[in-house]
N, C-alpha and C. Protein backbone atom coordinates (compact mmCIF):
# COMPACT_ATOMS: atom_id res chain seq x y z
N MET A 1 -61.71 36.49 56.73
CA MET A 1 -61.62 37.71 57.60
C MET A 1 -62.67 37.69 58.55
N PRO A 2 -63.32 38.15 59.63
CA PRO A 2 -64.62 38.49 59.78
C PRO A 2 -65.51 39.27 59.72
N GLU A 3 -66.60 39.32 59.48
CA GLU A 3 -67.47 40.61 58.78
C GLU A 3 -67.33 41.98 59.78
N CYS A 4 -67.60 43.03 58.74
CA CYS A 4 -66.51 44.41 59.60
C CYS A 4 -67.53 45.10 59.69
N ASP A 5 -68.92 44.86 60.86
CA ASP A 5 -69.61 45.78 60.61
C ASP A 5 -69.60 45.51 62.58
N PRO A 6 -70.39 46.95 63.53
CA PRO A 6 -70.03 47.36 64.26
C PRO A 6 -71.20 46.32 65.38
N GLY A 7 -72.21 44.89 64.61
CA GLY A 7 -72.64 44.26 64.74
C GLY A 7 -72.13 42.86 65.42
N TYR A 8 -71.30 42.58 64.61
CA TYR A 8 -70.70 41.76 64.69
C TYR A 8 -69.37 42.12 65.79
N TYR A 9 -68.99 43.49 65.76
CA TYR A 9 -67.90 43.98 66.99
C TYR A 9 -68.59 43.56 68.28
N ALA A 10 -69.54 43.96 68.72
CA ALA A 10 -70.81 43.52 69.54
C ALA A 10 -70.53 42.59 70.10
N LYS A 11 -70.77 42.02 69.04
CA LYS A 11 -70.97 40.03 69.44
C LYS A 11 -70.06 39.36 69.76
N HIS A 12 -69.10 39.56 69.01
CA HIS A 12 -67.79 39.00 68.93
C HIS A 12 -66.47 39.17 69.80
N CYS A 13 -66.52 40.67 69.66
CA CYS A 13 -64.97 41.39 70.78
C CYS A 13 -65.29 42.39 71.84
N LEU A 14 -66.04 42.57 72.06
CA LEU A 14 -67.27 43.03 73.12
C LEU A 14 -67.56 41.88 74.13
N PRO A 15 -66.73 42.44 75.11
CA PRO A 15 -67.41 41.03 76.47
C PRO A 15 -68.76 42.04 76.55
N ASP A 16 -69.19 40.34 77.34
CA ASP A 16 -70.15 40.17 77.81
C ASP A 16 -71.25 41.19 78.36
N ASP A 17 -70.38 41.93 79.79
CA ASP A 17 -70.48 42.49 80.77
C ASP A 17 -69.93 43.85 80.85
N GLY A 18 -69.59 43.76 79.79
CA GLY A 18 -69.15 45.35 78.98
C GLY A 18 -68.07 45.49 79.94
N ALA A 19 -67.38 45.05 80.50
CA ALA A 19 -66.06 45.42 81.00
C ALA A 19 -64.83 44.20 81.34
N MET A 20 -63.92 44.71 80.71
CA MET A 20 -62.43 44.00 79.95
C MET A 20 -61.19 45.45 80.39
N GLU A 21 -60.27 44.55 80.86
CA GLU A 21 -59.08 45.06 81.12
C GLU A 21 -58.53 45.98 79.68
N SER A 22 -58.34 47.26 79.68
CA SER A 22 -57.88 48.02 78.18
C SER A 22 -56.61 46.72 77.48
N ALA A 23 -55.81 46.74 78.70
CA ALA A 23 -54.48 46.39 78.30
C ALA A 23 -54.78 45.04 77.16
N SER A 24 -55.55 43.84 78.05
CA SER A 24 -55.09 43.01 77.05
C SER A 24 -56.25 43.09 76.06
N TYR A 25 -57.41 43.93 76.17
CA TYR A 25 -57.79 43.74 75.05
C TYR A 25 -57.64 44.77 73.48
N SER A 26 -57.20 45.56 73.86
CA SER A 26 -56.10 46.24 72.81
C SER A 26 -54.73 45.87 72.32
N ASN A 27 -54.15 44.62 72.76
CA ASN A 27 -53.21 44.25 72.43
C ASN A 27 -53.47 43.73 71.21
N ARG A 28 -54.67 42.91 70.57
CA ARG A 28 -55.25 42.50 69.62
C ARG A 28 -55.17 43.04 68.65
N PRO A 29 -54.21 42.85 67.80
CA PRO A 29 -54.78 43.32 66.17
C PRO A 29 -55.69 42.79 65.60
N LEU A 30 -56.49 43.45 64.54
CA LEU A 30 -57.57 43.40 63.77
C LEU A 30 -57.50 43.28 62.24
N VAL A 31 -57.06 42.59 61.63
CA VAL A 31 -57.42 42.98 59.95
C VAL A 31 -58.94 43.64 59.37
N VAL A 32 -58.45 44.60 58.83
CA VAL A 32 -59.88 45.46 58.45
C VAL A 32 -59.90 45.46 57.14
N ARG A 33 -61.22 45.97 55.97
CA ARG A 33 -61.30 46.36 55.05
C ARG A 33 -61.28 48.06 55.11
N ALA A 34 -60.79 48.23 54.16
CA ALA A 34 -60.15 49.99 54.11
C ALA A 34 -60.37 49.71 52.37
N MET A 35 -60.67 51.98 51.98
CA MET A 35 -60.98 52.05 50.68
C MET A 35 -59.47 52.95 50.77
N ARG A 36 -58.41 52.12 49.96
CA ARG A 36 -57.37 52.67 49.62
C ARG A 36 -57.14 53.91 49.10
N LEU A 37 -56.64 55.36 49.18
CA LEU A 37 -56.25 56.25 47.93
C LEU A 37 -54.41 55.83 47.90
N GLU A 38 -53.92 55.42 46.68
CA GLU A 38 -53.11 54.40 46.16
C GLU A 38 -52.33 55.29 44.85
N HIS A 39 -52.92 56.25 44.57
CA HIS A 39 -52.66 57.31 43.54
C HIS A 39 -53.51 58.41 43.24
N TYR A 40 -52.92 59.55 43.49
CA TYR A 40 -53.85 60.35 43.05
C TYR A 40 -54.62 60.36 41.46
N GLY A 41 -55.96 60.89 41.94
CA GLY A 41 -56.58 61.25 40.78
C GLY A 41 -57.40 59.52 40.42
N GLU A 42 -57.15 58.79 40.78
CA GLU A 42 -57.65 57.22 40.29
C GLU A 42 -58.72 57.25 41.37
N PRO A 43 -59.62 55.73 40.93
CA PRO A 43 -60.52 55.15 42.01
C PRO A 43 -59.47 54.47 43.34
N LEU A 44 -60.20 55.22 44.35
CA LEU A 44 -60.29 54.12 45.41
C LEU A 44 -60.15 52.87 45.62
N VAL A 45 -58.70 52.07 45.85
CA VAL A 45 -58.98 50.50 46.02
C VAL A 45 -59.40 49.81 47.42
N ALA A 46 -59.94 48.28 46.64
CA ALA A 46 -60.68 47.97 48.98
C ALA A 46 -59.04 46.81 48.92
N ARG A 47 -58.80 47.49 49.98
CA ARG A 47 -57.62 45.99 50.60
C ARG A 47 -58.34 45.99 52.17
N GLU A 48 -57.19 45.37 52.15
CA GLU A 48 -57.41 44.22 53.53
C GLU A 48 -56.20 44.84 54.46
N LEU A 49 -55.91 45.53 55.52
CA LEU A 49 -55.23 46.32 56.24
C LEU A 49 -54.87 45.16 57.75
N GLU A 50 -54.03 45.22 58.31
CA GLU A 50 -54.03 44.88 59.94
C GLU A 50 -54.04 46.32 60.67
N LEU A 51 -54.91 46.39 61.32
CA LEU A 51 -54.82 47.82 62.37
C LEU A 51 -54.27 47.26 63.12
N PRO A 52 -53.22 47.56 63.90
CA PRO A 52 -52.80 47.73 64.98
C PRO A 52 -53.09 48.07 66.20
N ALA A 53 -52.83 47.25 68.01
CA ALA A 53 -53.11 47.98 68.97
C ALA A 53 -52.91 49.27 69.23
N PRO A 54 -54.14 49.60 69.26
CA PRO A 54 -54.61 51.41 69.19
C PRO A 54 -53.03 51.50 70.29
N ALA A 55 -52.51 53.24 70.10
CA ALA A 55 -51.43 53.17 71.15
C ALA A 55 -52.02 54.06 72.44
N ALA A 56 -51.17 54.19 73.12
CA ALA A 56 -52.13 54.63 74.90
C ALA A 56 -53.02 55.41 74.90
N SER A 57 -53.15 56.51 73.80
CA SER A 57 -53.99 57.86 73.95
C SER A 57 -55.06 57.77 72.69
N LYS A 58 -55.14 56.32 72.42
CA LYS A 58 -55.96 56.69 70.90
C LYS A 58 -57.31 54.98 71.80
N LEU A 59 -57.90 55.36 70.27
CA LEU A 59 -59.38 54.30 70.61
C LEU A 59 -59.30 53.41 68.84
N ARG A 60 -60.04 52.32 69.10
CA ARG A 60 -60.19 51.39 68.25
C ARG A 60 -61.31 51.71 67.53
N ILE A 61 -62.32 52.04 66.78
CA ILE A 61 -63.70 52.18 66.80
C ILE A 61 -64.16 51.59 65.23
N ALA A 62 -65.08 51.04 65.45
CA ALA A 62 -65.95 50.24 64.31
C ALA A 62 -66.74 51.68 63.45
N VAL A 63 -66.19 51.51 62.50
CA VAL A 63 -66.63 52.28 61.79
C VAL A 63 -68.41 52.21 61.43
N SER A 64 -68.96 53.00 61.92
CA SER A 64 -70.94 53.30 61.12
C SER A 64 -71.07 53.89 60.24
N ALA A 65 -70.47 55.02 60.05
CA ALA A 65 -70.61 55.92 58.97
C ALA A 65 -69.65 56.90 58.80
N CYS A 66 -69.29 57.03 57.52
CA CYS A 66 -67.91 58.20 57.24
C CYS A 66 -68.55 59.03 55.87
N ALA A 67 -68.77 60.04 56.40
CA ALA A 67 -69.54 61.09 55.55
C ALA A 67 -68.56 61.51 54.35
N VAL A 68 -69.01 62.35 53.30
CA VAL A 68 -68.18 62.75 52.04
C VAL A 68 -68.28 64.04 52.50
N CYS A 69 -66.48 64.70 52.62
CA CYS A 69 -66.65 66.63 52.47
C CYS A 69 -65.62 66.80 51.64
N ARG A 70 -66.45 67.72 51.33
CA ARG A 70 -64.98 68.26 49.39
C ARG A 70 -64.24 68.51 49.79
N THR A 71 -63.74 68.15 51.14
CA THR A 71 -61.87 68.00 51.23
C THR A 71 -61.76 66.88 50.86
N ASP A 72 -61.91 65.75 51.26
CA ASP A 72 -61.89 64.13 50.46
C ASP A 72 -61.56 64.21 49.05
N LEU A 73 -61.86 64.81 48.39
CA LEU A 73 -61.99 65.09 46.89
C LEU A 73 -61.14 65.64 47.09
N HIS A 74 -60.77 66.87 47.56
CA HIS A 74 -58.79 67.48 47.07
C HIS A 74 -58.36 66.68 47.20
N VAL A 75 -57.92 65.78 48.61
CA VAL A 75 -57.38 65.01 49.07
C VAL A 75 -57.25 64.25 47.91
N VAL A 76 -57.93 63.30 47.35
CA VAL A 76 -58.06 62.13 46.18
C VAL A 76 -57.36 62.98 45.11
N ASP A 77 -57.90 64.02 44.77
CA ASP A 77 -57.71 64.37 43.93
C ASP A 77 -55.86 64.98 43.41
N GLY A 78 -55.39 65.22 44.81
CA GLY A 78 -54.12 65.15 44.77
C GLY A 78 -53.67 67.12 44.96
N GLU A 79 -54.67 67.94 45.30
CA GLU A 79 -55.11 69.21 45.53
C GLU A 79 -54.29 69.42 46.65
N LEU A 80 -54.12 68.20 47.80
CA LEU A 80 -53.43 69.01 48.81
C LEU A 80 -51.99 68.05 48.81
N PRO A 81 -51.11 68.69 49.28
CA PRO A 81 -49.91 68.39 49.84
C PRO A 81 -49.53 67.21 50.96
N ASP A 82 -48.50 66.06 50.27
CA ASP A 82 -48.62 65.91 51.72
C ASP A 82 -49.49 64.62 52.63
N ALA A 83 -50.05 64.08 51.61
CA ALA A 83 -51.15 63.00 52.65
C ALA A 83 -50.57 61.64 52.39
N GLY A 84 -49.01 61.53 51.88
CA GLY A 84 -48.87 59.93 52.72
C GLY A 84 -49.21 58.76 52.01
N LEU A 85 -48.99 58.54 50.86
CA LEU A 85 -49.66 57.60 50.01
C LEU A 85 -48.94 56.50 50.05
N PRO A 86 -49.47 55.19 50.17
CA PRO A 86 -51.01 55.01 50.40
C PRO A 86 -51.59 55.12 51.71
N MET A 87 -53.06 55.85 51.76
CA MET A 87 -54.01 56.35 52.72
C MET A 87 -54.92 56.10 52.24
N THR A 88 -55.70 55.90 53.74
CA THR A 88 -57.27 55.86 54.00
C THR A 88 -58.40 56.98 53.81
N PRO A 89 -58.79 57.61 53.14
CA PRO A 89 -59.26 59.28 53.23
C PRO A 89 -60.43 58.74 54.16
N GLY A 90 -61.45 59.75 54.49
CA GLY A 90 -62.65 60.21 55.43
C GLY A 90 -62.51 60.74 56.99
N HIS A 91 -63.34 62.19 56.96
CA HIS A 91 -62.72 62.26 58.04
C HIS A 91 -64.24 62.61 58.72
N GLU A 92 -64.95 62.21 58.54
CA GLU A 92 -66.47 62.40 59.07
C GLU A 92 -66.95 61.26 59.98
N ILE A 93 -66.12 60.53 60.90
CA ILE A 93 -66.65 59.97 61.47
C ILE A 93 -67.25 59.24 62.90
N VAL A 94 -68.30 58.22 62.65
CA VAL A 94 -68.97 57.68 63.85
C VAL A 94 -69.13 56.56 64.15
N GLY A 95 -68.95 56.22 65.02
CA GLY A 95 -68.67 54.43 65.16
C GLY A 95 -68.64 54.08 66.55
N GLN A 96 -68.16 53.01 66.97
CA GLN A 96 -68.37 52.28 68.66
C GLN A 96 -66.83 51.60 68.97
N VAL A 97 -66.71 52.48 69.93
CA VAL A 97 -65.55 52.16 70.68
C VAL A 97 -65.29 50.44 70.81
N ILE A 98 -64.33 50.36 70.35
CA ILE A 98 -63.61 48.84 70.19
C ILE A 98 -62.72 48.61 71.14
N ALA A 99 -62.07 49.14 71.15
CA ALA A 99 -60.59 48.81 72.13
C ALA A 99 -60.14 50.24 72.51
N LEU A 100 -59.56 50.44 73.79
CA LEU A 100 -59.01 51.36 74.50
C LEU A 100 -57.46 51.49 74.49
N GLY A 101 -56.87 52.79 74.32
CA GLY A 101 -55.40 52.78 74.65
C GLY A 101 -55.42 52.46 75.88
N VAL A 102 -54.23 52.33 76.63
CA VAL A 102 -54.22 52.02 78.35
C VAL A 102 -54.58 53.40 78.92
N GLN A 103 -54.04 54.34 78.45
CA GLN A 103 -54.22 55.87 79.00
C GLN A 103 -55.11 56.51 78.76
N VAL A 104 -56.52 56.04 77.94
CA VAL A 104 -58.08 56.43 77.63
C VAL A 104 -58.45 56.37 79.21
N THR A 105 -58.86 57.02 79.87
CA THR A 105 -60.14 56.86 80.82
C THR A 105 -61.43 57.85 80.31
N GLN A 106 -61.55 58.87 79.59
CA GLN A 106 -62.82 59.20 79.47
C GLN A 106 -63.69 58.83 78.37
N PHE A 107 -63.80 57.92 77.81
CA PHE A 107 -64.39 56.62 77.52
C PHE A 107 -64.40 55.08 77.83
N GLN A 108 -65.79 54.34 77.26
CA GLN A 108 -65.27 53.11 77.55
C GLN A 108 -65.93 52.10 76.32
N LEU A 109 -65.71 50.79 76.43
CA LEU A 109 -65.75 50.08 75.75
C LEU A 109 -67.47 50.29 75.14
N GLY A 110 -67.48 49.95 73.75
CA GLY A 110 -69.11 50.26 73.67
C GLY A 110 -69.70 51.52 72.50
N ASP A 111 -69.01 52.80 74.12
CA ASP A 111 -68.90 54.25 73.70
C ASP A 111 -69.49 54.91 72.19
N ARG A 112 -70.34 55.04 71.71
CA ARG A 112 -70.43 55.53 70.55
C ARG A 112 -69.72 57.29 70.45
N VAL A 113 -69.02 57.49 69.08
CA VAL A 113 -68.25 58.51 69.22
C VAL A 113 -68.25 58.68 67.76
N GLY A 114 -67.42 59.89 67.73
CA GLY A 114 -67.22 61.03 66.30
C GLY A 114 -65.67 61.07 66.17
N VAL A 115 -65.28 61.15 64.86
CA VAL A 115 -63.99 61.57 65.00
C VAL A 115 -63.94 62.54 64.09
N PRO A 116 -63.69 63.62 63.91
CA PRO A 116 -63.15 64.52 63.48
C PRO A 116 -62.15 64.88 62.52
N TRP A 117 -62.34 65.93 61.59
CA TRP A 117 -60.58 66.54 60.85
C TRP A 117 -59.11 66.57 61.66
N LEU A 118 -59.13 66.94 62.62
CA LEU A 118 -58.64 67.26 63.28
C LEU A 118 -57.81 66.09 64.00
N GLY A 119 -56.84 65.61 63.79
CA GLY A 119 -56.73 63.63 64.81
C GLY A 119 -55.60 64.19 65.16
N TRP A 120 -54.40 64.98 65.06
CA TRP A 120 -53.48 65.12 66.01
C TRP A 120 -52.68 66.73 66.56
N SER A 121 -52.22 66.85 67.65
CA SER A 121 -51.40 68.15 67.59
C SER A 121 -50.53 67.65 68.86
N CYS A 122 -49.34 68.52 68.88
CA CYS A 122 -48.19 68.61 69.50
C CYS A 122 -48.82 68.56 71.15
N GLY A 123 -49.54 69.62 71.47
CA GLY A 123 -50.11 69.58 72.71
C GLY A 123 -49.27 70.74 73.88
N HIS A 124 -48.20 71.26 73.01
CA HIS A 124 -47.61 72.24 74.03
C HIS A 124 -47.64 73.33 72.76
N CYS A 125 -47.48 73.86 72.54
CA CYS A 125 -47.02 74.76 71.83
C CYS A 125 -48.06 76.01 71.53
N GLU A 126 -48.34 77.18 71.09
CA GLU A 126 -48.94 78.46 71.58
C GLU A 126 -50.42 78.38 71.05
N SER A 127 -50.66 77.60 70.29
CA SER A 127 -52.11 77.48 69.93
C SER A 127 -52.34 76.40 70.83
N CYS A 128 -51.94 75.05 70.88
CA CYS A 128 -52.88 74.09 71.72
C CYS A 128 -52.85 74.62 73.28
N LEU A 129 -51.82 75.47 73.14
CA LEU A 129 -52.37 76.06 75.00
C LEU A 129 -53.26 77.11 75.10
N ALA A 130 -54.06 77.66 73.79
CA ALA A 130 -54.78 78.31 73.87
C ALA A 130 -55.74 78.05 73.41
N GLY A 131 -56.02 76.16 73.51
CA GLY A 131 -57.33 75.72 72.92
C GLY A 131 -57.83 76.01 71.24
N ALA A 132 -56.67 76.33 70.40
CA ALA A 132 -57.40 76.73 69.11
C ALA A 132 -55.45 74.92 68.53
N GLU A 133 -56.14 74.05 69.00
CA GLU A 133 -55.16 73.20 68.03
C GLU A 133 -55.18 73.00 66.57
N ASN A 134 -55.93 73.20 65.97
CA ASN A 134 -56.29 72.95 64.86
C ASN A 134 -55.49 74.19 63.67
N LEU A 135 -54.66 74.80 64.79
CA LEU A 135 -53.92 75.66 64.58
C LEU A 135 -52.37 75.25 64.74
N CYS A 136 -52.05 74.22 65.31
CA CYS A 136 -50.85 74.07 66.13
C CYS A 136 -50.53 73.36 64.73
N PRO A 137 -48.80 74.23 64.34
CA PRO A 137 -48.15 73.84 63.09
C PRO A 137 -47.87 72.20 62.50
N GLN A 138 -47.90 71.87 63.71
CA GLN A 138 -47.39 69.82 63.42
C GLN A 138 -48.96 69.67 63.61
N ALA A 139 -49.68 69.96 63.75
CA ALA A 139 -51.68 69.34 63.56
C ALA A 139 -51.80 68.72 62.45
N ARG A 140 -51.64 67.34 62.37
CA ARG A 140 -52.01 66.28 61.08
C ARG A 140 -53.64 65.81 61.69
N PHE A 141 -53.97 65.83 60.27
CA PHE A 141 -55.52 65.56 60.00
C PHE A 141 -56.22 64.16 59.63
N THR A 142 -57.38 63.59 60.15
CA THR A 142 -57.37 62.78 59.75
C THR A 142 -57.71 61.89 58.96
N GLY A 143 -58.17 61.23 57.69
CA GLY A 143 -58.29 60.90 55.87
C GLY A 143 -57.53 61.81 55.16
N TYR A 144 -56.49 62.46 55.91
CA TYR A 144 -54.96 63.03 54.74
C TYR A 144 -53.85 63.12 56.00
N GLN A 145 -53.11 63.03 56.64
CA GLN A 145 -51.50 62.68 57.38
C GLN A 145 -52.35 61.36 58.08
N LEU A 146 -53.51 61.10 58.44
CA LEU A 146 -53.83 59.85 59.23
C LEU A 146 -54.77 58.77 59.08
N ASP A 147 -54.73 58.15 58.48
CA ASP A 147 -55.86 57.06 58.38
C ASP A 147 -57.26 57.28 58.51
N GLY A 148 -58.52 57.96 57.32
CA GLY A 148 -59.66 57.85 57.87
C GLY A 148 -60.37 56.93 57.93
N GLY A 149 -61.49 57.70 57.63
CA GLY A 149 -62.92 56.75 58.22
C GLY A 149 -63.27 55.62 56.91
N TYR A 150 -62.66 55.31 55.67
CA TYR A 150 -63.35 54.39 54.95
C TYR A 150 -62.72 53.33 54.63
N ALA A 151 -63.36 53.02 55.72
CA ALA A 151 -63.04 51.70 56.33
C ALA A 151 -63.56 50.74 57.51
N SER A 152 -63.70 49.58 57.75
CA SER A 152 -64.86 49.23 58.19
C SER A 152 -63.87 49.28 60.32
N ALA A 153 -62.74 49.79 60.13
CA ALA A 153 -62.57 49.98 61.47
C ALA A 153 -61.14 51.38 61.39
N VAL A 154 -61.21 52.27 62.63
CA VAL A 154 -60.17 53.38 62.59
C VAL A 154 -59.80 53.18 63.90
N SER A 155 -58.69 53.84 64.14
CA SER A 155 -57.36 54.20 65.32
C SER A 155 -57.59 55.69 65.45
N ALA A 156 -58.08 56.71 66.51
CA ALA A 156 -57.89 58.11 66.39
C ALA A 156 -57.73 58.07 68.32
N ASP A 157 -57.62 59.41 67.83
CA ASP A 157 -56.87 59.95 69.38
C ASP A 157 -58.06 60.53 70.21
N ALA A 158 -57.73 60.06 71.45
CA ALA A 158 -59.03 60.13 72.29
C ALA A 158 -59.24 61.72 72.56
N ARG A 159 -58.30 62.53 72.34
CA ARG A 159 -58.23 64.14 73.19
C ARG A 159 -59.43 64.81 72.28
N PHE A 160 -59.73 64.17 70.98
CA PHE A 160 -60.42 64.97 69.65
C PHE A 160 -61.50 64.04 69.23
N MET A 161 -62.10 63.48 69.97
CA MET A 161 -62.84 62.06 70.18
C MET A 161 -64.56 63.23 70.48
N PHE A 162 -65.58 63.20 69.61
CA PHE A 162 -67.05 63.46 70.34
C PHE A 162 -67.90 62.15 70.48
N ARG A 163 -68.18 62.72 71.86
CA ARG A 163 -69.40 61.50 72.38
C ARG A 163 -70.47 62.09 71.57
N ILE A 164 -71.38 60.74 71.53
CA ILE A 164 -72.60 61.01 69.86
C ILE A 164 -73.85 61.24 70.87
N THR A 165 -74.72 62.62 70.36
CA THR A 165 -76.39 61.61 71.65
C THR A 165 -76.84 60.90 70.69
N PRO A 166 -77.75 59.97 71.64
CA PRO A 166 -79.05 59.15 70.76
C PRO A 166 -79.66 59.91 70.27
N ALA A 167 -80.02 60.98 70.42
CA ALA A 167 -81.10 62.26 69.27
C ALA A 167 -80.59 61.86 67.85
N TYR A 168 -79.21 61.50 67.43
CA TYR A 168 -78.82 61.56 66.15
C TYR A 168 -78.57 60.09 65.73
N THR A 169 -78.90 59.41 64.48
CA THR A 169 -78.81 58.43 63.53
C THR A 169 -76.63 58.29 63.28
N ASP A 170 -76.72 57.78 63.08
CA ASP A 170 -74.95 57.63 63.02
C ASP A 170 -74.65 58.77 61.11
N GLU A 171 -75.77 58.49 60.54
CA GLU A 171 -75.70 59.07 59.31
C GLU A 171 -75.79 60.73 59.32
N GLN A 172 -76.70 61.06 60.85
CA GLN A 172 -77.15 62.44 60.75
C GLN A 172 -76.66 62.74 61.16
N ALA A 173 -75.34 62.64 62.31
CA ALA A 173 -74.15 62.69 62.89
C ALA A 173 -72.97 62.99 62.59
N ALA A 174 -72.65 62.34 61.22
CA ALA A 174 -71.32 62.24 60.72
C ALA A 174 -71.14 63.42 60.22
N PRO A 175 -71.68 64.04 59.10
CA PRO A 175 -71.56 65.78 58.84
C PRO A 175 -71.12 66.33 59.78
N LEU A 176 -71.60 66.12 61.06
CA LEU A 176 -71.60 66.99 61.98
C LEU A 176 -70.42 67.66 62.37
N MET A 177 -69.12 66.49 62.42
CA MET A 177 -67.69 65.79 62.72
C MET A 177 -67.12 66.86 61.78
N CYS A 178 -67.62 67.87 60.84
CA CYS A 178 -66.60 68.90 60.25
C CYS A 178 -67.37 70.18 59.38
N ALA A 179 -68.38 69.45 58.59
CA ALA A 179 -68.97 70.57 57.98
C ALA A 179 -69.90 71.30 59.71
N GLY A 180 -70.68 70.78 60.43
CA GLY A 180 -70.95 70.96 61.50
C GLY A 180 -70.20 71.81 62.20
N LEU A 181 -69.21 71.38 62.53
CA LEU A 181 -67.66 72.03 63.38
C LEU A 181 -67.87 73.72 62.75
N ILE A 182 -67.81 73.10 61.80
CA ILE A 182 -67.36 74.74 60.75
C ILE A 182 -68.32 75.11 60.96
N GLY A 183 -69.50 75.34 60.82
CA GLY A 183 -70.90 75.85 60.51
C GLY A 183 -70.34 76.63 61.72
N LEU A 184 -71.03 75.67 62.55
CA LEU A 184 -71.24 76.57 64.57
C LEU A 184 -69.69 77.09 64.25
N ARG A 185 -68.80 77.12 64.10
CA ARG A 185 -67.43 78.02 64.50
C ARG A 185 -68.14 79.50 64.05
N ALA A 186 -68.87 79.66 62.83
CA ALA A 186 -68.74 80.47 62.00
C ALA A 186 -69.57 80.74 62.47
N LEU A 187 -70.96 80.41 63.43
CA LEU A 187 -72.07 81.03 63.50
C LEU A 187 -71.45 81.75 64.71
N LYS A 188 -70.78 81.32 65.62
CA LYS A 188 -70.65 81.78 66.89
C LYS A 188 -69.69 83.02 66.77
N ALA A 189 -68.56 82.99 65.66
CA ALA A 189 -67.67 84.17 65.23
C ALA A 189 -68.57 85.72 65.13
N THR A 190 -70.32 85.38 64.65
CA THR A 190 -71.01 86.33 64.13
C THR A 190 -71.66 87.19 65.48
N GLY A 191 -71.24 86.29 66.48
CA GLY A 191 -72.12 86.88 67.63
C GLY A 191 -73.45 86.87 68.28
N PRO A 192 -73.87 88.97 68.06
CA PRO A 192 -75.31 88.94 68.14
C PRO A 192 -76.28 89.30 67.29
N ALA A 193 -75.23 88.94 65.86
CA ALA A 193 -75.48 89.27 64.51
C ALA A 193 -77.41 89.47 64.39
N ARG A 194 -78.14 89.69 63.96
CA ARG A 194 -79.51 89.65 63.84
C ARG A 194 -79.23 89.10 62.35
N ASN A 195 -78.74 89.81 61.31
CA ASN A 195 -78.55 89.08 60.09
C ASN A 195 -77.27 88.58 60.10
N LEU A 196 -77.87 87.41 59.06
CA LEU A 196 -76.11 86.96 58.17
C LEU A 196 -75.93 86.57 57.09
N GLY A 197 -75.34 86.73 56.58
CA GLY A 197 -74.78 86.35 55.16
C GLY A 197 -74.17 84.58 54.64
N LEU A 198 -74.55 84.10 54.00
CA LEU A 198 -73.76 83.16 53.54
C LEU A 198 -73.13 82.60 52.89
N TYR A 199 -71.67 82.34 52.41
CA TYR A 199 -71.44 83.04 51.05
C TYR A 199 -70.57 81.54 50.96
N GLY A 200 -70.32 80.99 49.14
CA GLY A 200 -70.08 80.10 49.23
C GLY A 200 -70.85 78.89 49.64
N PHE A 201 -71.85 78.60 49.22
CA PHE A 201 -73.43 78.08 50.29
C PHE A 201 -72.58 76.01 50.30
N GLY A 202 -72.35 75.72 50.99
CA GLY A 202 -71.98 74.26 51.15
C GLY A 202 -72.34 73.30 52.26
N ALA A 203 -72.03 72.56 52.60
CA ALA A 203 -72.20 71.82 54.04
C ALA A 203 -72.50 72.42 55.12
N ALA A 204 -71.33 73.77 55.11
CA ALA A 204 -71.56 74.06 56.41
C ALA A 204 -72.18 75.16 56.56
N ALA A 205 -72.87 76.09 55.51
CA ALA A 205 -73.83 76.63 55.31
C ALA A 205 -75.43 75.95 55.46
N HIS A 206 -75.60 75.10 54.65
CA HIS A 206 -76.47 74.68 54.89
C HIS A 206 -77.03 73.94 56.47
N ILE A 207 -75.92 73.41 56.88
CA ILE A 207 -76.62 73.06 58.62
C ILE A 207 -76.32 74.50 59.23
N VAL A 208 -75.71 75.78 58.59
CA VAL A 208 -75.65 76.84 60.19
C VAL A 208 -77.47 77.58 59.50
N ALA A 209 -77.55 77.24 57.88
CA ALA A 209 -79.07 77.99 57.93
C ALA A 209 -79.81 77.61 58.78
N GLN A 210 -79.78 75.90 59.21
CA GLN A 210 -81.11 75.35 59.96
C GLN A 210 -81.02 75.60 61.55
N ILE A 211 -79.77 76.64 62.31
CA ILE A 211 -80.11 76.82 63.35
C ILE A 211 -79.60 77.64 63.70
N ALA A 212 -79.47 79.09 62.79
CA ALA A 212 -79.14 80.26 62.52
C ALA A 212 -80.76 80.77 63.00
């Protein structure tokens, strides 16, 4: 199988001029390496998998970095139900777009993007219509109910992607996809408070302490 790093994809999968019909490129399946959770409480297992063409609203991403969140450990230890084994953990993902679903218009091949914990929502319930898709009763989450980023490539819903600024390296940006989002949400919720108390100090509080 081919090497599974973004440089390989840039050389062998992306068109030289950066322009290609998304449908013709996206129809190619791709063999990827992934670290799979097959049994709760046991080490992840290296496997080769075929990644299908991305669905109409999805992107395929060559993974550059995927941080480790405490939630990943809860999933691996079987402390969260309904993971749907076997699956690939990891939900703080940064990578390069290497294929587009036919309905994706907000991203292009070669874009650097981030993939967060929230991986899918119904789009029509009260929470979704209020912009609180993470509270959707049918929400599905990356690296839990959906295969995540402990892999050389992953497919993900374009609705929940973030474009990554060049100001951050892949390794710096990856934790922002979960701990950064949680920390920012908590900081915004404090409003104009002059003093902050950080409880249960972890990754999110560590980031809040740097920007508050």
